């Protein structure tokens, strides 16, 4: 899913930089599905589990 707004508008969520996700974690993720997805991507990246995203990246 592409980021719908902000500095990284149009960037696929799994390609967002960790620093941007950290900012959201500090300020609060948006409500709804987008917030849930951003929170999940954040947890995956900070825990070094990026390899879980590779199958999704290959499909695009």
C-alpha atoms as a PDB file:
ATOM      1  CA  UNK A   1       0.000   0.000   0.000  1.00  0.00           C
ATOM      2  CA  UNK A   2       1.412   3.448  -0.820  1.00  0.00           C
ATOM      3  CA  UNK A   3       1.712   6.161   1.815  1.00  0.00           C
ATOM      4  CA  UNK A   4      -1.305   8.424   1.157  1.00  0.00           C
ATOM      5  CA  UNK A   5       0.143  11.703   2.502  1.00  0.00           C
ATOM      6  CA  UNK A   6       3.179  13.515   3.837  1.00  0.00           C
ATOM      7  CA  UNK A   7       6.832  13.644   2.949  1.00  0.00           C
ATOM      8  CA  UNK A   8       6.824  10.104   1.567  1.00  0.00           C
ATOM      9  CA  UNK A   9       3.488  10.235  -0.264  1.00  0.00           C
ATOM     10  CA  UNK A  10       3.363   7.436  -2.831  1.00  0.00           C
ATOM     11  CA  UNK A  11       6.136   5.375  -1.210  1.00  0.00           C
ATOM     12  CA  UNK A  12       5.178   1.781  -0.456  1.00  0.00           C
ATOM     13  CA  UNK A  13       4.786   1.388   3.309  1.00  0.00           C
ATOM     14  CA  UNK A  14       7.407  -1.361   3.545  1.00  0.00           C
ATOM     15  CA  UNK A  15       9.937   1.012   1.903  1.00  0.00           C
ATOM     16  CA  UNK A  16       9.464   3.852   4.400  1.00  0.00           C
ATOM     17  CA  UNK A  17      12.621   4.756   6.341  1.00  0.00           C
ATOM     18  CA  UNK A  18      12.816   3.720   9.976  1.00  0.00           C
ATOM     19  CA  UNK A  19      13.336   7.339  11.044  1.00  0.00           C
ATOM     20  CA  UNK A  20       9.917   8.263   9.602  1.00  0.00           C
ATOM     21  CA  UNK A  21       8.285   5.313  11.363  1.00  0.00           C
ATOM     22  CA  UNK A  22      10.024   6.281  14.614  1.00  0.00           C
ATOM     23  CA  UNK A  23       8.539   9.762  14.310  1.00  0.00           C
ATOM     24  CA  UNK A  24       5.060   8.259  13.963  1.00  0.00           C
ATOM     25  CA  UNK A  25       5.691   5.978  16.936  1.00  0.00           C
ATOM     26  CA  UNK A  26       6.603   9.031  19.029  1.00  0.00           C
ATOM     27  CA  UNK A  27       3.812  11.315  17.762  1.00  0.00           C
ATOM     28  CA  UNK A  28       1.143   8.639  17.366  1.00  0.00           C
ATOM     29  CA  UNK A  29       0.115   6.532  14.412  1.00  0.00           C
ATOM     30  CA  UNK A  30      -2.964   7.652  12.479  1.00  0.00           C
ATOM     31  CA  UNK A  31      -6.244   5.905  13.320  1.00  0.00           C
ATOM     32  CA  UNK A  32      -7.588   2.957  11.388  1.00  0.00           C
ATOM     33  CA  UNK A  33      -5.994   0.539   8.974  1.00  0.00           C
ATOM     34  CA  UNK A  34      -3.158   2.874   7.972  1.00  0.00           C
ATOM     35  CA  UNK A  35      -2.054   3.297  11.577  1.00  0.00           C
ATOM     36  CA  UNK A  36      -2.173  -0.443  12.164  1.00  0.00           C
ATOM     37  CA  UNK A  37      -0.083  -1.086   9.041  1.00  0.00           C
ATOM     38  CA  UNK A  38       2.472   1.590   9.938  1.00  0.00           C
ATOM     39  CA  UNK A  39       2.761   0.179  13.464  1.00  0.00           C
ATOM     40  CA  UNK A  40       3.277  -3.312  12.101  1.00  0.00           C
ATOM     41  CA  UNK A  41       5.953  -2.191   9.618  1.00  0.00           C
ATOM     42  CA  UNK A  42       7.653  -0.253  12.427  1.00  0.00           C
ATOM     43  CA  UNK A  43       7.769  -3.326  14.689  1.00  0.00           C
ATOM     44  CA  UNK A  44       9.090  -5.496  11.846  1.00  0.00           C
ATOM     45  CA  UNK A  45      11.875  -3.048  11.021  1.00  0.00           C
ATOM     46  CA  UNK A  46      13.041  -2.235  14.563  1.00  0.00           C
ATOM     47  CA  UNK A  47      13.212  -5.931  15.408  1.00  0.00           C
ATOM     48  CA  UNK A  48      15.358  -6.762  12.365  1.00  0.00           C
ATOM     49  CA  UNK A  49      12.666  -8.834  10.669  1.00  0.00           C
ATOM     50  CA  UNK A  50      12.866  -7.079   7.270  1.00  0.00           C
ATOM     51  CA  UNK A  51      13.247 -10.459   5.576  1.00  0.00           C
ATOM     52  CA  UNK A  52       9.544 -11.040   6.273  1.00  0.00           C
ATOM     53  CA  UNK A  53       8.762  -8.223   3.834  1.00  0.00           C
ATOM     54  CA  UNK A  54      10.801  -9.650   0.937  1.00  0.00           C
ATOM     55  CA  UNK A  55       7.981 -11.828  -0.497  1.00  0.00           C
ATOM     56  CA  UNK A  56       5.719  -8.761  -0.572  1.00  0.00           C
ATOM     57  CA  UNK A  57       8.369  -6.663  -2.296  1.00  0.00           C
ATOM     58  CA  UNK A  58       8.925  -9.351  -4.946  1.00  0.00           C
ATOM     59  CA  UNK A  59       5.211  -9.405  -5.822  1.00  0.00           C
ATOM     60  CA  UNK A  60       5.328  -5.708  -6.756  1.00  0.00           C
END
